[in-house]
Amino acid sequence: MSTAGLAPLWSRSAFESPDGPKSTAMASAFPRCTSVRLPALAAVILLLLVSVTTVESSQGDKEPVYRDCLKLCVRTNCTGARRRSFESTQPQYMALIGWTCRDDCRYQCMWTTVDLYQAEGYRIPQFHGKEPASALASLLNGLACLLMLLRYRCAVPRQSPMYHTTNAFSLVSLNAWFWSTVFHTRDTFLTEKMDYFCATAVILYSIYLCCVRTLGLKHPGRSSMVGALLILVFTSHVSYLTFVNFDYGYNMAANVTIGMVNLLWWLCWCWQNRRTLPYWWKCGLVALMLHGLALLELLDFPPLLWILDAHAVWHLSTIPVHFLFYSFLIDDSLYLLNTEKMGVKVE
């Protein structure tokens, strides 16, 4: 969320003295750390495998009030007898998702900082990179993808030329939504990398899917060469981010670039076949919707009901796209099967 125009709370006199309101506000929150009693709404969200995640680049995480609060909380509550008390009273569902004493401090200090911002009349900064609803939205995207894959398999015979390529694309997509759900549920070094890398794999495989549809049916060798090139691109991308530098700017630029290749290739095919294939518009609309909805990431607003931020809204908005895209894939696969049986040249 945007923090433009915010005056840093730490600069105010109320937070300058160690014995002033800052210490009082922090101390009032810390005893709750050992009891681990979250509000009912948060407990329900956690039961749905949606928890507060952690991304160090968020504005709220950088606030001195928050950072001082976190240091004091960890030092006070996450060592010795208090840590053992935390672990002994921790609900089982929280232990299962790996919720630690430090995570609990992060949660408490987040709300402490939010309360201070509200009391001073400032807009609330974003904490931990995203809101819990993103995990639920990722899960729903995965379920939509799975449902339509099953529908595709029921509607399209295995003899269709695009059957196996489409199935492989679906599995790559399901894998990406699985890791997106895991990442938004529990942000770790591994889950962050898997979320980013698997998302890139989906875009690259979508390019391959388009290549097979436009070139591979008549020239299988060409699509094999493009496939090998895409594997090389993916391997280089992952290797650089893993072993050289995990550069968020580079990762974003790389995904935007391959996303534009994917968009333009599909749109060119749709334009070329607009007079011969009555279902072409489904593919074109999906391509435009996916890239248009991605602009939601640029929006900046406080999370609705403390749950729905721009990132979560983006993920929620892509759920209907799966139904339209698989409707196109079913129509196109059946068309290819029928034209192959009749010996008609496929364009």
Protein backbone atom coordinates (compact mmCIF):
# COMPACT_ATOMS: atom_id res chain seq x y z
CA MET A 1 0.00 0.00 0.00
CA SER A 2 1.10 3.53 -0.63
CA THR A 3 2.59 5.57 2.15
CA ALA A 4 3.03 8.75 0.14
CA GLY A 5 2.64 11.80 2.29
CA LEU A 6 3.04 9.93 5.56
CA ALA A 7 5.05 11.54 8.29
CA PRO A 8 7.27 8.94 10.00
CA LEU A 9 5.76 8.20 13.38
CA TRP A 10 9.16 7.52 14.85
CA SER A 11 10.06 11.19 14.39
CA ARG A 12 7.36 12.36 16.76
CA SER A 13 8.20 13.17 20.35
CA ALA A 14 5.87 10.47 21.61
CA PHE A 15 8.33 7.87 20.39
CA GLU A 16 11.58 9.55 21.28
CA SER A 17 11.75 8.57 24.91
CA PRO A 18 12.25 4.95 25.93
CA ASP A 19 9.85 5.57 28.80
CA GLY A 20 7.24 7.33 26.68
CA PRO A 21 4.13 6.07 24.93
CA LYS A 22 6.16 3.86 22.60
CA SER A 23 7.28 1.55 25.37
CA THR A 24 3.82 1.50 26.89
CA ALA A 25 2.19 0.60 23.58
CA MET A 26 4.68 -2.16 22.94
CA ALA A 27 4.46 -3.61 26.42
CA SER A 28 0.68 -3.79 26.20
CA ALA A 29 0.95 -6.01 23.15
CA PHE A 30 3.75 -8.32 24.22
CA PRO A 31 2.03 -10.34 26.97
CA ARG A 32 -0.41 -11.61 24.32
CA CYS A 33 2.53 -13.22 22.53
CA THR A 34 2.86 -16.01 25.05
CA SER A 35 -0.83 -16.84 25.06
CA VAL A 36 -1.13 -16.93 21.25
CA ARG A 37 -4.82 -16.00 21.29
CA LEU A 38 -5.64 -14.55 17.86
CA PRO A 39 -8.99 -12.98 17.05
CA ALA A 40 -11.64 -15.37 15.83
CA LEU A 41 -11.41 -14.13 12.25
CA ALA A 42 -7.66 -14.68 12.15
CA ALA A 43 -8.09 -18.16 13.60
CA VAL A 44 -10.56 -19.08 10.86
CA ILE A 45 -8.18 -17.78 8.22
CA LEU A 46 -5.34 -19.79 9.70
CA LEU A 47 -7.49 -22.92 9.71
CA LEU A 48 -7.93 -22.35 5.98
CA LEU A 49 -4.14 -22.45 5.67
CA VAL A 50 -3.95 -18.72 5.25
CA SER A 51 -1.60 -16.91 7.58
CA VAL A 52 0.22 -13.62 7.71
CA THR A 53 3.21 -13.85 5.40
CA THR A 54 6.59 -12.16 5.52
CA VAL A 55 8.28 -10.10 2.84
CA GLU A 56 11.01 -7.82 4.05
CA SER A 57 10.50 -5.18 1.35
CA SER A 58 7.08 -3.97 2.60
CA GLN A 59 6.83 -0.41 3.88
CA GLY A 60 5.34 -1.41 7.23
CA ASP A 61 8.23 -3.78 7.92
CA LYS A 62 10.66 -0.88 7.53
CA GLU A 63 8.97 1.40 10.06
CA PRO A 64 11.28 2.01 13.06
CA VAL A 65 8.32 1.64 15.44
CA TYR A 66 7.64 -1.82 14.06
CA ARG A 67 11.29 -2.87 14.01
CA ASP A 68 11.93 -1.66 17.56
CA CYS A 69 8.79 -3.41 18.71
CA LEU A 70 9.86 -6.65 17.05
CA LYS A 71 13.35 -6.59 18.56
CA LEU A 72 11.99 -5.98 22.05
CA CYS A 73 9.28 -8.61 21.71
CA VAL A 74 11.68 -11.30 20.48
CA ARG A 75 14.19 -10.47 23.21
CA THR A 76 11.49 -10.51 25.89
CA ASN A 77 9.24 -13.38 24.86
CA CYS A 78 11.20 -15.74 22.62
CA THR A 79 13.94 -16.94 24.95
CA GLY A 80 14.08 -19.14 28.01
CA ALA A 81 10.97 -19.86 30.05
CA ARG A 82 8.70 -17.57 28.05
CA ARG A 83 9.56 -19.35 24.82
CA ARG A 84 8.87 -22.72 26.41
CA SER A 85 5.55 -21.36 27.68
CA PHE A 86 4.73 -20.16 24.16
CA GLU A 87 5.46 -23.57 22.67
CA SER A 88 3.50 -25.44 25.33
CA THR A 89 0.36 -23.30 24.91
CA GLN A 90 0.52 -22.94 21.13
CA PRO A 91 -2.58 -24.32 19.34
CA GLN A 92 -1.87 -27.39 17.25
CA TYR A 93 -3.06 -25.87 13.97
CA MET A 94 -0.53 -23.06 14.36
CA ALA A 95 2.29 -25.47 15.05
CA LEU A 96 1.38 -27.42 11.92
CA ILE A 97 1.96 -24.40 9.68
CA GLY A 98 5.25 -23.62 11.42
CA TRP A 99 4.11 -20.53 13.34
CA THR A 100 7.00 -19.52 15.61
CA CYS A 101 7.39 -17.16 18.54
CA ARG A 102 9.03 -14.65 16.22
CA ASP A 103 6.08 -14.89 13.84
CA ASP A 104 3.77 -14.17 16.75
CA CYS A 105 5.85 -11.11 17.63
CA ARG A 106 5.62 -9.95 14.03
CA TYR A 107 1.85 -10.33 14.16
CA GLN A 108 1.48 -8.45 17.45
CA CYS A 109 3.87 -5.66 16.43
CA MET A 110 2.08 -5.25 13.12
CA TRP A 111 -1.16 -4.45 14.96
CA THR A 112 0.68 -2.24 17.44
CA THR A 113 2.04 -0.18 14.56
CA VAL A 114 -1.35 -0.13 12.84
CA ASP A 115 -2.99 1.16 16.03
CA LEU A 116 -0.40 3.93 16.28
CA TYR A 117 -0.93 4.97 12.66
CA GLN A 118 -4.69 5.05 13.16
CA ALA A 119 -4.37 7.05 16.36
CA GLU A 120 -2.25 9.63 14.54
CA GLY A 121 -4.60 9.77 11.55
CA TYR A 122 -2.18 8.36 8.95
CA ARG A 123 -2.86 5.82 6.20
CA ILE A 124 -1.95 2.26 7.09
CA PRO A 125 1.24 0.88 5.47
CA GLN A 126 1.40 -2.61 4.02
CA PHE A 127 3.03 -5.33 6.09
CA HIS A 128 4.57 -8.62 5.05
CA GLY A 129 4.09 -8.06 1.34
CA LYS A 130 0.51 -9.25 0.89
CA GLU A 131 -2.72 -10.11 2.66
CA PRO A 132 -3.96 -13.59 3.73
CA ALA A 133 -6.73 -13.65 1.12
CA SER A 134 -4.07 -14.19 -1.55
CA ALA A 135 -3.57 -17.75 -0.31
CA LEU A 136 -7.26 -18.54 -0.51
CA ALA A 137 -7.43 -16.95 -3.97
CA SER A 138 -4.49 -19.09 -5.14
CA LEU A 139 -6.19 -22.19 -3.81
CA LEU A 140 -9.40 -21.32 -5.67
CA ASN A 141 -7.44 -20.74 -8.88
CA GLY A 142 -5.91 -24.17 -8.50
CA LEU A 143 -9.30 -25.78 -7.92
CA ALA A 144 -10.73 -24.01 -10.98
CA CYS A 145 -7.81 -25.24 -13.06
CA LEU A 146 -8.25 -28.80 -11.79
CA LEU A 147 -12.00 -28.76 -12.42
CA MET A 148 -11.56 -27.59 -16.01
CA LEU A 149 -8.74 -30.08 -16.63
CA LEU A 150 -11.09 -32.88 -15.63
CA ARG A 151 -13.76 -31.43 -17.88
CA TYR A 152 -11.26 -31.22 -20.75
CA ARG A 153 -10.29 -34.87 -20.32
CA CYS A 154 -13.94 -35.90 -20.37
CA ALA A 155 -14.80 -33.84 -23.45
CA VAL A 156 -11.72 -34.37 -25.61
CA PRO A 157 -10.55 -37.79 -26.87
CA ARG A 158 -6.89 -38.65 -26.39
CA GLN A 159 -6.48 -38.80 -30.16
CA SER A 160 -6.78 -35.01 -30.47
CA PRO A 161 -3.45 -33.50 -31.64
CA MET A 162 -3.31 -31.02 -28.72
CA TYR A 163 -4.50 -33.41 -26.00
CA HIS A 164 -1.16 -34.29 -24.40
CA THR A 165 0.32 -30.79 -24.73
CA THR A 166 -2.75 -29.30 -23.08
CA ASN A 167 -2.63 -31.84 -20.26
CA ALA A 168 1.02 -31.02 -19.64
CA PHE A 169 0.20 -27.30 -19.57
CA SER A 170 -2.52 -27.98 -17.01
CA LEU A 171 -0.14 -29.87 -14.75
CA VAL A 172 2.40 -27.04 -14.93
CA SER A 173 -0.37 -24.59 -14.00
CA LEU A 174 -1.61 -26.73 -11.11
CA ASN A 175 1.93 -26.95 -9.78
CA ALA A 176 2.25 -23.15 -9.92
CA TRP A 177 -1.01 -22.55 -8.07
CA PHE A 178 -0.02 -25.14 -5.46
CA TRP A 179 3.22 -23.28 -4.72
CA SER A 180 1.42 -19.94 -4.82
CA THR A 181 -0.93 -21.22 -2.12
CA VAL A 182 1.95 -22.57 -0.06
CA PHE A 183 3.95 -19.36 -0.43
CA HIS A 184 1.08 -17.11 0.60
CA THR A 185 0.41 -19.43 3.51
CA ARG A 186 4.00 -19.69 4.67
CA ASP A 187 6.68 -17.39 3.27
CA THR A 188 10.12 -18.98 3.45
CA PHE A 189 13.24 -18.87 1.29
CA LEU A 190 12.14 -22.07 -0.50
CA THR A 191 8.44 -21.26 -0.95
CA GLU A 192 9.20 -17.80 -2.34
CA LYS A 193 11.56 -19.23 -4.95
CA MET A 194 9.14 -21.99 -5.91
CA ASP A 195 6.29 -19.51 -6.29
CA TYR A 196 8.33 -17.24 -8.56
CA PHE A 197 9.94 -19.99 -10.61
CA CYS A 198 6.72 -21.95 -11.14
CA ALA A 199 4.89 -18.79 -12.27
CA THR A 200 7.62 -18.22 -14.86
CA ALA A 201 7.29 -21.85 -15.98
CA VAL A 202 3.57 -21.32 -16.68
CA ILE A 203 4.24 -18.35 -18.95
CA LEU A 204 6.99 -20.18 -20.82
CA TYR A 205 4.83 -23.28 -21.26
CA SER A 206 1.98 -21.10 -22.52
CA ILE A 207 4.39 -19.89 -25.21
CA TYR A 208 5.20 -23.52 -26.02
CA LEU A 209 1.49 -24.37 -26.13
CA CYS A 210 0.97 -21.55 -28.61
CA CYS A 211 4.00 -22.69 -30.61
CA VAL A 212 2.70 -26.25 -30.89
CA ARG A 213 -0.73 -24.95 -31.95
CA THR A 214 0.62 -22.54 -34.57
CA LEU A 215 3.73 -24.33 -35.85
CA GLY A 216 4.07 -27.78 -34.36
CA LEU A 217 1.07 -29.40 -35.98
CA LYS A 218 2.60 -28.91 -39.42
CA HIS A 219 6.27 -28.68 -38.43
CA PRO A 220 6.94 -30.68 -35.25
CA GLY A 221 10.67 -30.06 -35.53
CA ARG A 222 10.20 -26.30 -35.19
CA SER A 223 8.16 -26.61 -32.01
CA SER A 224 10.78 -28.98 -30.59
CA MET A 225 13.48 -26.40 -31.25
CA VAL A 226 11.40 -23.66 -29.60
CA GLY A 227 10.74 -25.98 -26.67
CA ALA A 228 14.47 -26.60 -26.22
CA LEU A 229 15.08 -22.84 -26.34
CA LEU A 230 12.41 -22.21 -23.70
CA ILE A 231 13.96 -24.85 -21.43
CA LEU A 232 17.32 -23.10 -21.82
CA VAL A 233 15.74 -19.73 -20.99
CA PHE A 234 14.05 -21.16 -17.91
CA THR A 235 17.22 -22.89 -16.72
CA SER A 236 19.27 -19.72 -17.15
CA HIS A 237 16.64 -17.63 -15.39
CA VAL A 238 16.43 -19.94 -12.39
CA SER A 239 20.21 -20.36 -12.20
CA TYR A 240 20.82 -16.62 -12.18
CA LEU A 241 18.24 -15.94 -9.47
CA THR A 242 19.45 -18.90 -7.39
CA PHE A 243 23.23 -18.74 -7.67
CA VAL A 244 24.04 -15.17 -8.72
CA ASN A 245 21.51 -12.66 -7.40
CA PHE A 246 17.85 -12.89 -6.52
CA ASP A 247 16.94 -9.61 -8.16
CA TYR A 248 13.23 -8.80 -7.88
CA GLY A 249 13.50 -6.10 -10.55
CA TYR A 250 15.13 -8.48 -13.02
CA ASN A 251 12.57 -11.19 -12.26
CA MET A 252 9.73 -8.79 -12.92
CA ALA A 253 11.30 -7.50 -16.15
CA ALA A 254 11.93 -11.04 -17.39
CA ASN A 255 8.36 -12.13 -16.72
CA VAL A 256 6.94 -9.01 -18.37
CA THR A 257 9.08 -9.68 -21.45
CA ILE A 258 8.09 -13.31 -21.90
CA GLY A 259 4.52 -12.37 -21.03
CA MET A 260 4.45 -9.91 -23.92
CA VAL A 261 5.82 -12.58 -26.27
CA ASN A 262 3.06 -14.90 -25.11
CA LEU A 263 0.38 -12.22 -25.50
CA LEU A 264 1.42 -11.07 -28.98
CA TRP A 265 1.84 -14.61 -30.33
CA TRP A 266 -1.62 -15.69 -29.19
CA LEU A 267 -3.23 -12.46 -30.43
CA CYS A 268 -1.60 -12.81 -33.85
CA TRP A 269 -2.97 -16.34 -34.15
CA CYS A 270 -6.43 -15.16 -33.09
CA TRP A 271 -6.39 -12.38 -35.67
CA GLN A 272 -5.32 -14.74 -38.44
CA ASN A 273 -8.12 -17.19 -37.63
CA ARG A 274 -10.90 -14.75 -36.74
CA ARG A 275 -12.85 -15.58 -39.94
CA THR A 276 -12.46 -19.36 -39.85
CA LEU A 277 -12.72 -20.28 -36.16
CA PRO A 278 -15.92 -19.07 -34.43
CA TYR A 279 -14.40 -19.58 -30.98
CA TRP A 280 -11.26 -17.50 -31.63
CA TRP A 281 -12.56 -14.66 -29.45
CA LYS A 282 -12.29 -16.81 -26.32
CA CYS A 283 -8.54 -17.10 -26.74
CA GLY A 284 -8.13 -13.41 -27.55
CA LEU A 285 -10.25 -12.33 -24.59
CA VAL A 286 -8.30 -14.58 -22.21
CA ALA A 287 -4.98 -13.17 -23.39
CA LEU A 288 -6.18 -9.59 -22.97
CA MET A 289 -7.84 -10.28 -19.61
CA LEU A 290 -4.81 -11.94 -18.07
CA HIS A 291 -2.50 -9.08 -18.99
CA GLY A 292 -5.09 -6.42 -18.21
CA LEU A 293 -5.89 -7.89 -14.80
CA ALA A 294 -2.19 -7.95 -13.98
CA LEU A 295 -2.42 -4.15 -13.81
CA LEU A 296 -4.29 -4.62 -10.53
CA GLU A 297 -0.87 -5.15 -9.01
CA LEU A 298 -0.23 -1.46 -9.65
CA LEU A 299 -3.26 -0.37 -7.63
CA ASP A 300 -2.69 0.77 -4.09
CA PHE A 301 -5.39 0.77 -1.46
CA PRO A 302 -5.74 -0.28 2.18
CA PRO A 303 -6.96 -3.89 2.43
CA LEU A 304 -10.73 -4.16 2.62
CA LEU A 305 -11.74 -5.65 5.99
CA TRP A 306 -7.97 -6.06 6.60
CA ILE A 307 -8.02 -8.96 4.12
CA LEU A 308 -8.41 -7.96 0.46
CA ASP A 309 -5.53 -5.95 -0.95
CA ALA A 310 -4.65 -5.38 -4.62
CA HIS A 311 -2.61 -8.59 -4.82
CA ALA A 312 -5.49 -10.68 -3.48
CA VAL A 313 -8.00 -8.96 -5.78
CA TRP A 314 -5.73 -9.76 -8.73
CA HIS A 315 -5.64 -13.44 -7.86
CA LEU A 316 -9.39 -13.55 -7.27
CA SER A 317 -10.06 -11.88 -10.61
CA THR A 318 -8.19 -14.58 -12.56
CA ILE A 319 -10.42 -17.42 -11.32
CA PRO A 320 -13.10 -17.03 -14.06
CA VAL A 321 -10.39 -16.87 -16.74
CA HIS A 322 -9.67 -20.60 -16.31
CA PHE A 323 -13.22 -21.49 -17.36
CA LEU A 324 -13.07 -19.39 -20.50
CA PHE A 325 -9.59 -20.58 -21.50
CA TYR A 326 -10.44 -24.27 -21.12
CA SER A 327 -13.65 -23.68 -23.04
CA PHE A 328 -11.43 -22.44 -25.87
CA LEU A 329 -9.07 -25.41 -25.49
CA ILE A 330 -11.96 -27.87 -25.65
CA ASP A 331 -13.45 -26.22 -28.75
CA ASP A 332 -10.09 -26.05 -30.46
CA SER A 333 -9.07 -29.62 -29.61
CA LEU A 334 -12.35 -31.00 -30.94
CA TYR A 335 -11.98 -28.89 -34.09
CA LEU A 336 -8.48 -30.25 -34.66
CA LEU A 337 -9.67 -33.82 -34.13
CA ASN A 338 -12.51 -33.41 -36.63
CA THR A 339 -10.36 -31.75 -39.28
CA GLU A 340 -7.71 -34.45 -38.88
CA LYS A 341 -10.33 -37.17 -39.44
CA MET A 342 -11.57 -35.38 -42.55
CA GLY A 343 -8.04 -34.81 -43.85
CA VAL A 344 -8.49 -31.03 -43.89
CA LYS A 345 -5.34 -28.87 -43.72
CA VAL A 346 -5.01 -27.21 -40.32
CA GLU A 347 -4.05 -23.52 -40.29
